[in-house]
Amino acid sequence: MQVITSENVKEFLSEKVAVLDFWATWCGPCRMMSPIVEELAAKYQGKAAFGSVNVDEEEPLAISYGISVIPTLMFFKDGQMVKKTLGLHSSSELEGILDELLQA
């Protein structure tokens, strides 16, 4: 999973399907969500790009995307945000979103 910063976010979002994971080290739900996101990144390697945004280190980037709750996953297709999830979600729920984006 790629670390995303203000400097590389535009290039990252140029991927056909991309997912941004907004999180923080002190966030318990983020720590619970992290293995799920890493598993999805491995499963969808070559099909979707996964990026990690630490909101404490990249506060201006988090603010620019209106992040007020973490963990937040933002799903992009062709550079446009098409779906956003807040809080914990199951692997199967997130797979459903990804599969839908990849088929569209």
PDB file of N, CA and C in Angstrom:
ATOM      1  N   MET A   1       0.856  -1.178   0.000  1.00  0.00           N
ATOM      2  CA  MET A   1       0.000   0.000   0.000  1.00  0.00           C
ATOM      3  C   MET A   1       0.898   1.235   0.000  1.00  0.00           C
ATOM      4  N   GLN A   2       0.579   2.160  -0.859  1.00  0.00           N
ATOM      5  CA  GLN A   2       1.402   3.358  -1.035  1.00  0.00           C
ATOM      6  C   GLN A   2       1.045   4.428   0.004  1.00  0.00           C
ATOM      7  N   VAL A   3       2.065   5.096   0.547  1.00  0.00           N
ATOM      8  CA  VAL A   3       1.841   6.227   1.447  1.00  0.00           C
ATOM      9  C   VAL A   3       1.519   7.444   0.576  1.00  0.00           C
ATOM     10  N   ILE A   4       0.389   8.072   0.867  1.00  0.00           N
ATOM     11  CA  ILE A   4      -0.072   9.198   0.057  1.00  0.00           C
ATOM     12  C   ILE A   4       0.153  10.503   0.807  1.00  0.00           C
ATOM     13  N   THR A   5       0.689  11.469   0.086  1.00  0.00           N
ATOM     14  CA  THR A   5       0.947  12.802   0.625  1.00  0.00           C
ATOM     15  C   THR A   5       0.315  13.831  -0.309  1.00  0.00           C
ATOM     16  N   SER A   6       0.355  15.080   0.101  1.00  0.00           N
ATOM     17  CA  SER A   6      -0.146  16.169  -0.750  1.00  0.00           C
ATOM     18  C   SER A   6       0.596  16.204  -2.079  1.00  0.00           C
ATOM     19  N   GLU A   7       1.866  15.773  -2.063  1.00  0.00           N
ATOM     20  CA  GLU A   7       2.691  15.838  -3.266  1.00  0.00           C
ATOM     21  C   GLU A   7       2.359  14.752  -4.281  1.00  0.00           C
ATOM     22  N   ASN A   8       1.925  13.562  -3.833  1.00  0.00           N
ATOM     23  CA  ASN A   8       1.714  12.474  -4.789  1.00  0.00           C
ATOM     24  C   ASN A   8       0.258  12.053  -4.977  1.00  0.00           C
ATOM     25  N   VAL A   9      -0.676  12.746  -4.335  1.00  0.00           N
ATOM     26  CA  VAL A   9      -2.078  12.314  -4.392  1.00  0.00           C
ATOM     27  C   VAL A   9      -2.662  12.396  -5.802  1.00  0.00           C
ATOM     28  N   LYS A  10      -2.353  13.452  -6.546  1.00  0.00           N
ATOM     29  CA  LYS A  10      -2.912  13.590  -7.897  1.00  0.00           C
ATOM     30  C   LYS A  10      -2.451  12.458  -8.808  1.00  0.00           C
ATOM     31  N   GLU A  11      -1.171  12.140  -8.741  1.00  0.00           N
ATOM     32  CA  GLU A  11      -0.636  11.037  -9.544  1.00  0.00           C
ATOM     33  C   GLU A  11      -1.288   9.715  -9.145  1.00  0.00           C
ATOM     34  N   PHE A  12      -1.446   9.500  -7.832  1.00  0.00           N
ATOM     35  CA  PHE A  12      -2.062   8.280  -7.332  1.00  0.00           C
ATOM     36  C   PHE A  12      -3.491   8.134  -7.854  1.00  0.00           C
ATOM     37  N   LEU A  13      -4.244   9.226  -7.841  1.00  0.00           N
ATOM     38  CA  LEU A  13      -5.647   9.173  -8.261  1.00  0.00           C
ATOM     39  C   LEU A  13      -5.809   9.026  -9.764  1.00  0.00           C
ATOM     40  N   SER A  14      -4.710   9.090 -10.508  1.00  0.00           N
ATOM     41  CA  SER A  14      -4.797   8.884 -11.946  1.00  0.00           C
ATOM     42  C   SER A  14      -4.985   7.400 -12.287  1.00  0.00           C
ATOM     43  N   GLU A  15      -4.837   6.528 -11.282  1.00  0.00           N
ATOM     44  CA  GLU A  15      -5.127   5.103 -11.480  1.00  0.00           C
ATOM     45  C   GLU A  15      -6.609   4.957 -11.818  1.00  0.00           C
ATOM     46  N   LYS A  16      -6.961   3.947 -12.582  1.00  0.00           N
ATOM     47  CA  LYS A  16      -8.362   3.738 -12.990  1.00  0.00           C
ATOM     48  C   LYS A  16      -9.277   3.609 -11.776  1.00  0.00           C
ATOM     49  N   VAL A  17      -8.932   2.704 -10.845  1.00  0.00           N
ATOM     50  CA  VAL A  17      -9.676   2.560  -9.586  1.00  0.00           C
ATOM     51  C   VAL A  17      -8.674   2.719  -8.450  1.00  0.00           C
ATOM     52  N   ALA A  18      -8.970   3.634  -7.525  1.00  0.00           N
ATOM     53  CA  ALA A  18      -8.054   3.914  -6.416  1.00  0.00           C
ATOM     54  C   ALA A  18      -8.842   4.053  -5.118  1.00  0.00           C
ATOM     55  N   VAL A  19      -8.217   3.648  -4.029  1.00  0.00           N
ATOM     56  CA  VAL A  19      -8.833   3.731  -2.705  1.00  0.00           C
ATOM     57  C   VAL A  19      -7.873   4.480  -1.789  1.00  0.00           C
ATOM     58  N   LEU A  20      -8.390   5.516  -1.127  1.00  0.00           N
ATOM     59  CA  LEU A  20      -7.613   6.241  -0.116  1.00  0.00           C
ATOM     60  C   LEU A  20      -8.123   5.845   1.263  1.00  0.00           C
ATOM     61  N   ASP A  21      -7.216   5.423   2.132  1.00  0.00           N
ATOM     62  CA  ASP A  21      -7.522   5.040   3.503  1.00  0.00           C
ATOM     63  C   ASP A  21      -7.003   6.133   4.424  1.00  0.00           C
ATOM     64  N   PHE A  22      -7.911   6.890   5.035  1.00  0.00           N
ATOM     65  CA  PHE A  22      -7.543   7.955   5.980  1.00  0.00           C
ATOM     66  C   PHE A  22      -7.592   7.370   7.387  1.00  0.00           C
ATOM     67  N   TRP A  23      -6.482   7.505   8.138  1.00  0.00           N
ATOM     68  CA  TRP A  23      -6.346   6.861   9.437  1.00  0.00           C
ATOM     69  C   TRP A  23      -5.388   7.649  10.322  1.00  0.00           C
ATOM     70  N   ALA A  24      -5.261   7.201  11.583  1.00  0.00           N
ATOM     71  CA  ALA A  24      -4.279   7.765  12.525  1.00  0.00           C
ATOM     72  C   ALA A  24      -3.810   6.655  13.459  1.00  0.00           C
ATOM     73  N   THR A  25      -2.595   6.796  13.973  1.00  0.00           N
ATOM     74  CA  THR A  25      -2.016   5.757  14.830  1.00  0.00           C
ATOM     75  C   THR A  25      -2.781   5.590  16.141  1.00  0.00           C
ATOM     76  N   TRP A  26      -3.388   6.662  16.654  1.00  0.00           N
ATOM     77  CA  TRP A  26      -4.080   6.622  17.936  1.00  0.00           C
ATOM     78  C   TRP A  26      -5.521   6.109  17.811  1.00  0.00           C
ATOM     79  N   CYS A  27      -5.973   5.832  16.610  1.00  0.00           N
ATOM     80  CA  CYS A  27      -7.368   5.473  16.347  1.00  0.00           C
ATOM     81  C   CYS A  27      -7.569   3.958  16.441  1.00  0.00           C
ATOM     82  N   GLY A  28      -8.279   3.502  17.461  1.00  0.00           N
ATOM     83  CA  GLY A  28      -8.548   2.074  17.648  1.00  0.00           C
ATOM     84  C   GLY A  28      -9.262   1.439  16.463  1.00  0.00           C
ATOM     85  N   PRO A  29     -10.377   2.018  15.992  1.00  0.00           N
ATOM     86  CA  PRO A  29     -11.058   1.447  14.833  1.00  0.00           C
ATOM     87  C   PRO A  29     -10.160   1.398  13.586  1.00  0.00           C
ATOM     88  N   CYS A  30      -9.250   2.362  13.456  1.00  0.00           N
ATOM     89  CA  CYS A  30      -8.314   2.353  12.323  1.00  0.00           C
ATOM     90  C   CYS A  30      -7.403   1.138  12.404  1.00  0.00           C
ATOM     91  N   ARG A  31      -6.941   0.816  13.619  1.00  0.00           N
ATOM     92  CA  ARG A  31      -6.075  -0.343  13.799  1.00  0.00           C
ATOM     93  C   ARG A  31      -6.826  -1.641  13.491  1.00  0.00           C
ATOM     94  N   MET A  32      -8.133  -1.653  13.745  1.00  0.00           N
ATOM     95  CA  MET A  32      -8.944  -2.827  13.435  1.00  0.00           C
ATOM     96  C   MET A  32      -9.193  -2.927  11.926  1.00  0.00           C
ATOM     97  N   MET A  33      -9.291  -1.797  11.266  1.00  0.00           N
ATOM     98  CA  MET A  33      -9.584  -1.756   9.833  1.00  0.00           C
ATOM     99  C   MET A  33      -8.336  -2.024   8.992  1.00  0.00           C
ATOM    100  N   SER A  34      -7.174  -1.700   9.516  1.00  0.00           N
ATOM    101  CA  SER A  34      -5.923  -1.798   8.762  1.00  0.00           C
ATOM    102  C   SER A  34      -5.682  -3.177   8.146  1.00  0.00           C
ATOM    103  N   PRO A  35      -5.836  -4.288   8.895  1.00  0.00           N
ATOM    104  CA  PRO A  35      -5.586  -5.594   8.271  1.00  0.00           C
ATOM    105  C   PRO A  35      -6.577  -5.911   7.149  1.00  0.00           C
ATOM    106  N   ILE A  36      -7.801  -5.418   7.269  1.00  0.00           N
ATOM    107  CA  ILE A  36      -8.814  -5.632   6.228  1.00  0.00           C
ATOM    108  C   ILE A  36      -8.396  -4.911   4.953  1.00  0.00           C
ATOM    109  N   VAL A  37      -7.962  -3.665   5.097  1.00  0.00           N
ATOM    110  CA  VAL A  37      -7.541  -2.878   3.931  1.00  0.00           C
ATOM    111  C   VAL A  37      -6.296  -3.500   3.303  1.00  0.00           C
ATOM    112  N   GLU A  38      -5.351  -3.947   4.128  1.00  0.00           N
ATOM    113  CA  GLU A  38      -4.139  -4.575   3.588  1.00  0.00           C
ATOM    114  C   GLU A  38      -4.471  -5.869   2.842  1.00  0.00           C
ATOM    115  N   GLU A  39      -5.414  -6.638   3.369  1.00  0.00           N
ATOM    116  CA  GLU A  39      -5.852  -7.867   2.708  1.00  0.00           C
ATOM    117  C   GLU A  39      -6.489  -7.545   1.347  1.00  0.00           C
ATOM    118  N   LEU A  40      -7.325  -6.508   1.311  1.00  0.00           N
ATOM    119  CA  LEU A  40      -7.962  -6.104   0.049  1.00  0.00           C
ATOM    120  C   LEU A  40      -6.920  -5.602  -0.950  1.00  0.00           C
ATOM    121  N   ALA A  41      -5.931  -4.862  -0.468  1.00  0.00           N
ATOM    122  CA  ALA A  41      -4.879  -4.350  -1.352  1.00  0.00           C
ATOM    123  C   ALA A  41      -4.143  -5.509  -2.013  1.00  0.00           C
ATOM    124  N   ALA A  42      -3.889  -6.569  -1.260  1.00  0.00           N
ATOM    125  CA  ALA A  42      -3.220  -7.744  -1.821  1.00  0.00           C
ATOM    126  C   ALA A  42      -4.138  -8.472  -2.798  1.00  0.00           C
ATOM    127  N   LYS A  43      -5.403  -8.620  -2.434  1.00  0.00           N
ATOM    128  CA  LYS A  43      -6.356  -9.351  -3.273  1.00  0.00           C
ATOM    129  C   LYS A  43      -6.606  -8.633  -4.605  1.00  0.00           C
ATOM    130  N   TYR A  44      -6.638  -7.303  -4.569  1.00  0.00           N
ATOM    131  CA  TYR A  44      -6.960  -6.519  -5.767  1.00  0.00           C
ATOM    132  C   TYR A  44      -5.716  -5.924  -6.435  1.00  0.00           C
ATOM    133  N   GLN A  45      -4.546  -6.434  -6.080  1.00  0.00           N
ATOM    134  CA  GLN A  45      -3.304  -5.926  -6.673  1.00  0.00           C
ATOM    135  C   GLN A  45      -3.378  -6.065  -8.194  1.00  0.00           C
ATOM    136  N   GLY A  46      -3.037  -4.974  -8.885  1.00  0.00           N
ATOM    137  CA  GLY A  46      -3.097  -4.962 -10.337  1.00  0.00           C
ATOM    138  C   GLY A  46      -4.457  -4.537 -10.876  1.00  0.00           C
ATOM    139  N   LYS A  47      -5.463  -4.498 -10.002  1.00  0.00           N
ATOM    140  CA  LYS A  47      -6.820  -4.094 -10.421  1.00  0.00           C
ATOM    141  C   LYS A  47      -7.201  -2.742  -9.825  1.00  0.00           C
ATOM    142  N   ALA A  48      -6.774  -2.502  -8.577  1.00  0.00           N
ATOM    143  CA  ALA A  48      -7.087  -1.255  -7.881  1.00  0.00           C
ATOM    144  C   ALA A  48      -5.859  -0.842  -7.072  1.00  0.00           C
ATOM    145  N   ALA A  49      -5.636   0.458  -6.981  1.00  0.00           N
ATOM    146  CA  ALA A  49      -4.518   0.998  -6.204  1.00  0.00           C
ATOM    147  C   ALA A  49      -5.019   1.384  -4.817  1.00  0.00           C
ATOM    148  N   PHE A  50      -4.240   1.081  -3.794  1.00  0.00           N
ATOM    149  CA  PHE A  50      -4.600   1.416  -2.425  1.00  0.00           C
ATOM    150  C   PHE A  50      -3.558   2.373  -1.860  1.00  0.00           C
ATOM    151  N   GLY A  51      -4.036   3.466  -1.262  1.00  0.00           N
ATOM    152  CA  GLY A  51      -3.152   4.451  -0.667  1.00  0.00           C
ATOM    153  C   GLY A  51      -3.537   4.731   0.772  1.00  0.00           C
ATOM    154  N   SER A  52      -2.538   5.041   1.571  1.00  0.00           N
ATOM    155  CA  SER A  52      -2.706   5.266   2.998  1.00  0.00           C
ATOM    156  C   SER A  52      -2.392   6.724   3.333  1.00  0.00           C
ATOM    157  N   VAL A  53      -3.330   7.387   4.015  1.00  0.00           N
ATOM    158  CA  VAL A  53      -3.136   8.782   4.408  1.00  0.00           C
ATOM    159  C   VAL A  53      -3.226   8.898   5.928  1.00  0.00           C
ATOM    160  N   ASN A  54      -2.091   9.180   6.572  1.00  0.00           N
ATOM    161  CA  ASN A  54      -2.070   9.421   8.014  1.00  0.00           C
ATOM    162  C   ASN A  54      -2.554  10.864   8.222  1.00  0.00           C
ATOM    163  N   VAL A  55      -3.725  11.025   8.839  1.00  0.00           N
ATOM    164  CA  VAL A  55      -4.333  12.355   8.959  1.00  0.00           C
ATOM    165  C   VAL A  55      -3.530  13.293   9.850  1.00  0.00           C
ATOM    166  N   ASP A  56      -2.726  12.749  10.759  1.00  0.00           N
ATOM    167  CA  ASP A  56      -1.891  13.606  11.607  1.00  0.00           C
ATOM    168  C   ASP A  56      -0.703  14.171  10.822  1.00  0.00           C
ATOM    169  N   GLU A  57      -0.159  13.360   9.921  1.00  0.00           N
ATOM    170  CA  GLU A  57       0.994  13.801   9.128  1.00  0.00           C
ATOM    171  C   GLU A  57       0.585  14.581   7.884  1.00  0.00           C
ATOM    172  N   GLU A  58      -0.631  14.362   7.408  1.00  0.00           N
ATOM    173  CA  GLU A  58      -1.126  15.004   6.181  1.00  0.00           C
ATOM    174  C   GLU A  58      -2.437  15.740   6.449  1.00  0.00           C
ATOM    175  N   GLU A  59      -2.437  16.558   7.506  1.00  0.00           N
ATOM    176  CA  GLU A  59      -3.653  17.258   7.913  1.00  0.00           C
ATOM    177  C   GLU A  59      -4.250  18.109   6.794  1.00  0.00           C
ATOM    178  N   PRO A  60      -3.462  18.901   6.046  1.00  0.00           N
ATOM    179  CA  PRO A  60      -4.060  19.698   4.966  1.00  0.00           C
ATOM    180  C   PRO A  60      -4.748  18.830   3.907  1.00  0.00           C
ATOM    181  N   LEU A  61      -4.187  17.668   3.610  1.00  0.00           N
ATOM    182  CA  LEU A  61      -4.802  16.761   2.640  1.00  0.00           C
ATOM    183  C   LEU A  61      -6.124  16.219   3.181  1.00  0.00           C
ATOM    184  N   ALA A  62      -6.125  15.813   4.447  1.00  0.00           N
ATOM    185  CA  ALA A  62      -7.357  15.315   5.071  1.00  0.00           C
ATOM    186  C   ALA A  62      -8.430  16.402   5.080  1.00  0.00           C
ATOM    187  N   ILE A  63      -8.049  17.611   5.391  1.00  0.00           N
ATOM    188  CA  ILE A  63      -9.000  18.725   5.395  1.00  0.00           C
ATOM    189  C   ILE A  63      -9.542  18.968   3.996  1.00  0.00           C
ATOM    190  N   SER A  64      -8.670  18.895   2.991  1.00  0.00           N
ATOM    191  CA  SER A  64      -9.117  19.154   1.615  1.00  0.00           C
ATOM    192  C   SER A  64     -10.147  18.125   1.144  1.00  0.00           C
ATOM    193  N   TYR A  65     -10.118  16.923   1.729  1.00  0.00           N
ATOM    194  CA  TYR A  65     -11.112  15.897   1.384  1.00  0.00           C
ATOM    195  C   TYR A  65     -12.261  15.849   2.390  1.00  0.00           C
ATOM    196  N   GLY A  66     -12.307  16.789   3.311  1.00  0.00           N
ATOM    197  CA  GLY A  66     -13.419  16.889   4.253  1.00  0.00           C
ATOM    198  C   GLY A  66     -13.482  15.739   5.250  1.00  0.00           C
ATOM    199  N   ILE A  67     -12.339  15.206   5.625  1.00  0.00           N
ATOM    200  CA  ILE A  67     -12.309  14.067   6.550  1.00  0.00           C
ATOM    201  C   ILE A  67     -12.567  14.559   7.967  1.00  0.00           C
ATOM    202  N   SER A  68     -13.662  14.070   8.564  1.00  0.00           N
ATOM    203  CA  SER A  68     -13.987  14.431   9.945  1.00  0.00           C
ATOM    204  C   SER A  68     -14.129  13.193  10.825  1.00  0.00           C
ATOM    205  N   VAL A  69     -14.170  12.013  10.207  1.00  0.00           N
ATOM    206  CA  VAL A  69     -14.283  10.744  10.923  1.00  0.00           C
ATOM    207  C   VAL A  69     -13.227   9.801  10.354  1.00  0.00           C
ATOM    208  N   ILE A  70     -12.555   9.070  11.238  1.00  0.00           N
ATOM    209  CA  ILE A  70     -11.628   8.048  10.756  1.00  0.00           C
ATOM    210  C   ILE A  70     -11.953   6.739  11.453  1.00  0.00           C
ATOM    211  N   PRO A  71     -11.740   5.611  10.813  1.00  0.00           N
ATOM    212  CA  PRO A  71     -11.233   5.483   9.460  1.00  0.00           C
ATOM    213  C   PRO A  71     -12.263   5.889   8.410  1.00  0.00           C
ATOM    214  N   THR A  72     -11.780   6.490   7.348  1.00  0.00           N
ATOM    215  CA  THR A  72     -12.596   6.801   6.175  1.00  0.00           C
ATOM    216  C   THR A  72     -11.904   6.197   4.961  1.00  0.00           C
ATOM    217  N   LEU A  73     -12.660   5.482   4.159  1.00  0.00           N
ATOM    218  CA  LEU A  73     -12.162   4.990   2.877  1.00  0.00           C
ATOM    219  C   LEU A  73     -12.882   5.758   1.779  1.00  0.00           C
ATOM    220  N   MET A  74     -12.117   6.293   0.850  1.00  0.00           N
ATOM    221  CA  MET A  74     -12.688   6.984  -0.309  1.00  0.00           C
ATOM    222  C   MET A  74     -12.320   6.190  -1.551  1.00  0.00           C
ATOM    223  N   PHE A  75     -13.326   5.888  -2.355  1.00  0.00           N
ATOM    224  CA  PHE A  75     -13.145   5.099  -3.573  1.00  0.00           C
ATOM    225  C   PHE A  75     -13.239   6.026  -4.778  1.00  0.00           C
ATOM    226  N   PHE A  76     -12.247   5.937  -5.657  1.00  0.00           N
ATOM    227  CA  PHE A  76     -12.170   6.802  -6.834  1.00  0.00           C
ATOM    228  C   PHE A  76     -12.180   5.955  -8.099  1.00  0.00           C
ATOM    229  N   LYS A  77     -12.847   6.467  -9.117  1.00  0.00           N
ATOM    230  CA  LYS A  77     -12.786   5.852 -10.435  1.00  0.00           C
ATOM    231  C   LYS A  77     -12.475   6.951 -11.433  1.00  0.00           C
ATOM    232  N   ASP A  78     -11.426   6.754 -12.212  1.00  0.00           N
ATOM    233  CA  ASP A  78     -10.985   7.742 -13.201  1.00  0.00           C
ATOM    234  C   ASP A  78     -10.801   9.126 -12.568  1.00  0.00           C
ATOM    235  N   GLY A  79     -10.259   9.161 -11.340  1.00  0.00           N
ATOM    236  CA  GLY A  79      -9.953  10.410 -10.664  1.00  0.00           C
ATOM    237  C   GLY A  79     -11.111  11.070  -9.938  1.00  0.00           C
ATOM    238  N   GLN A  80     -12.310  10.496 -10.022  1.00  0.00           N
ATOM    239  CA  GLN A  80     -13.491  11.068  -9.372  1.00  0.00           C
ATOM    240  C   GLN A  80     -13.902  10.203  -8.184  1.00  0.00           C
ATOM    241  N   MET A  81     -14.186  10.849  -7.044  1.00  0.00           N
ATOM    242  CA  MET A  81     -14.642  10.122  -5.878  1.00  0.00           C
ATOM    243  C   MET A  81     -16.069   9.635  -6.141  1.00  0.00           C
ATOM    244  N   VAL A  82     -16.288   8.316  -5.989  1.00  0.00           N
ATOM    245  CA  VAL A  82     -17.596   7.741  -6.277  1.00  0.00           C
ATOM    246  C   VAL A  82     -18.258   7.111  -5.056  1.00  0.00           C
ATOM    247  N   LYS A  83     -17.469   6.852  -4.003  1.00  0.00           N
ATOM    248  CA  LYS A  83     -18.031   6.222  -2.807  1.00  0.00           C
ATOM    249  C   LYS A  83     -17.139   6.539  -1.626  1.00  0.00           C
ATOM    250  N   LYS A  84     -17.778   6.660  -0.444  1.00  0.00           N
ATOM    251  CA  LYS A  84     -17.019   6.924   0.781  1.00  0.00           C
ATOM    252  C   LYS A  84     -17.632   6.105   1.903  1.00  0.00           C
ATOM    253  N   THR A  85     -16.780   5.449   2.688  1.00  0.00           N
ATOM    254  CA  THR A  85     -17.263   4.723   3.863  1.00  0.00           C
ATOM    255  C   THR A  85     -16.623   5.329   5.108  1.00  0.00           C
ATOM    256  N   LEU A  86     -17.393   5.389   6.174  1.00  0.00           N
ATOM    257  CA  LEU A  86     -16.923   5.930   7.455  1.00  0.00           C
ATOM    258  C   LEU A  86     -16.958   4.819   8.490  1.00  0.00           C
ATOM    259  N   GLY A  87     -15.917   4.723   9.285  1.00  0.00           N
ATOM    260  CA  GLY A  87     -15.882   3.724  10.349  1.00  0.00           C
ATOM    261  C   GLY A  87     -15.515   2.346   9.843  1.00  0.00           C
ATOM    262  N   LEU A  88     -15.778   1.343  10.697  1.00  0.00           N
ATOM    263  CA  LEU A  88     -15.418  -0.043  10.379  1.00  0.00           C
ATOM    264  C   LEU A  88     -16.393  -0.650   9.388  1.00  0.00           C
ATOM    265  N   HIS A  89     -15.842  -1.427   8.462  1.00  0.00           N
ATOM    266  CA  HIS A  89     -16.668  -2.156   7.497  1.00  0.00           C
ATOM    267  C   HIS A  89     -16.046  -3.524   7.282  1.00  0.00           C
ATOM    268  N   SER A  90     -16.891  -4.476   6.932  1.00  0.00           N
ATOM    269  CA  SER A  90     -16.403  -5.840   6.706  1.00  0.00           C
ATOM    270  C   SER A  90     -15.680  -5.929   5.373  1.00  0.00           C
ATOM    271  N   SER A  91     -14.842  -6.930   5.280  1.00  0.00           N
ATOM    272  CA  SER A  91     -14.115  -7.184   4.046  1.00  0.00           C
ATOM    273  C   SER A  91     -15.094  -7.439   2.898  1.00  0.00           C
ATOM    274  N   SER A  92     -16.136  -8.221   3.158  1.00  0.00           N
ATOM    275  CA  SER A  92     -17.088  -8.555   2.092  1.00  0.00           C
ATOM    276  C   SER A  92     -17.841  -7.320   1.600  1.00  0.00           C
ATOM    277  N   GLU A  93     -18.165  -6.399   2.505  1.00  0.00           N
ATOM    278  CA  GLU A  93     -18.844  -5.166   2.105  1.00  0.00           C
ATOM    279  C   GLU A  93     -17.937  -4.325   1.195  1.00  0.00           C
ATOM    280  N   LEU A  94     -16.669  -4.212   1.569  1.00  0.00           N
ATOM    281  CA  LEU A  94     -15.728  -3.424   0.779  1.00  0.00           C
ATOM    282  C   LEU A  94     -15.422  -4.107  -0.552  1.00  0.00           C
ATOM    283  N   GLU A  95     -15.370  -5.431  -0.555  1.00  0.00           N
ATOM    284  CA  GLU A  95     -15.181  -6.168  -1.802  1.00  0.00           C
ATOM    285  C   GLU A  95     -16.332  -5.892  -2.758  1.00  0.00           C
ATOM    286  N   GLY A  96     -17.553  -5.815  -2.231  1.00  0.00           N
ATOM    287  CA  GLY A  96     -18.719  -5.509  -3.056  1.00  0.00           C
ATOM    288  C   GLY A  96     -18.574  -4.165  -3.759  1.00  0.00           C
ATOM    289  N   ILE A  97     -18.089  -3.171  -3.016  1.00  0.00           N
ATOM    290  CA  ILE A  97     -17.884  -1.830  -3.600  1.00  0.00           C
ATOM    291  C   ILE A  97     -16.827  -1.908  -4.695  1.00  0.00           C
ATOM    292  N   LEU A  98     -15.713  -2.567  -4.399  1.00  0.00           N
ATOM    293  CA  LEU A  98     -14.629  -2.677  -5.370  1.00  0.00           C
ATOM    294  C   LEU A  98     -15.067  -3.434  -6.624  1.00  0.00           C
ATOM    295  N   ASP A  99     -15.763  -4.548  -6.425  1.00  0.00           N
ATOM    296  CA  ASP A  99     -16.215  -5.332  -7.579  1.00  0.00           C
ATOM    297  C   ASP A  99     -17.155  -4.519  -8.469  1.00  0.00           C
ATOM    298  N   GLU A 100     -18.013  -3.734  -7.830  1.00  0.00           N
ATOM    299  CA  GLU A 100     -18.943  -2.879  -8.591  1.00  0.00           C
ATOM    300  C   GLU A 100     -18.165  -1.833  -9.413  1.00  0.00           C
ATOM    301  N   LEU A 101     -17.159  -1.218  -8.810  1.00  0.00           N
ATOM    302  CA  LEU A 101     -16.362  -0.221  -9.518  1.00  0.00           C
ATOM    303  C   LEU A 101     -15.571  -0.827 -10.668  1.00  0.00           C
ATOM    304  N   LEU A 102     -15.072  -2.019 -10.465  1.00  0.00           N
ATOM    305  CA  LEU A 102     -14.255  -2.676 -11.488  1.00  0.00           C
ATOM    306  C   LEU A 102     -15.101  -3.172 -12.660  1.00  0.00           C
ATOM    307  N   GLN A 103     -16.379  -3.428 -12.422  1.00  0.00           N
ATOM    308  CA  GLN A 103     -17.257  -3.896 -13.486  1.00  0.00           C
ATOM    309  C   GLN A 103     -17.864  -2.759 -14.276  1.00  0.00           C
ATOM    310  N   ALA A 104     -17.992  -1.599 -13.656  1.00  0.00           N
ATOM    311  CA  ALA A 104     -18.658  -0.472 -14.316  1.00  0.00           C
ATOM    312  C   ALA A 104     -17.805   0.108 -15.425  1.00  0.00           C
TER     313      ALA A 104
END
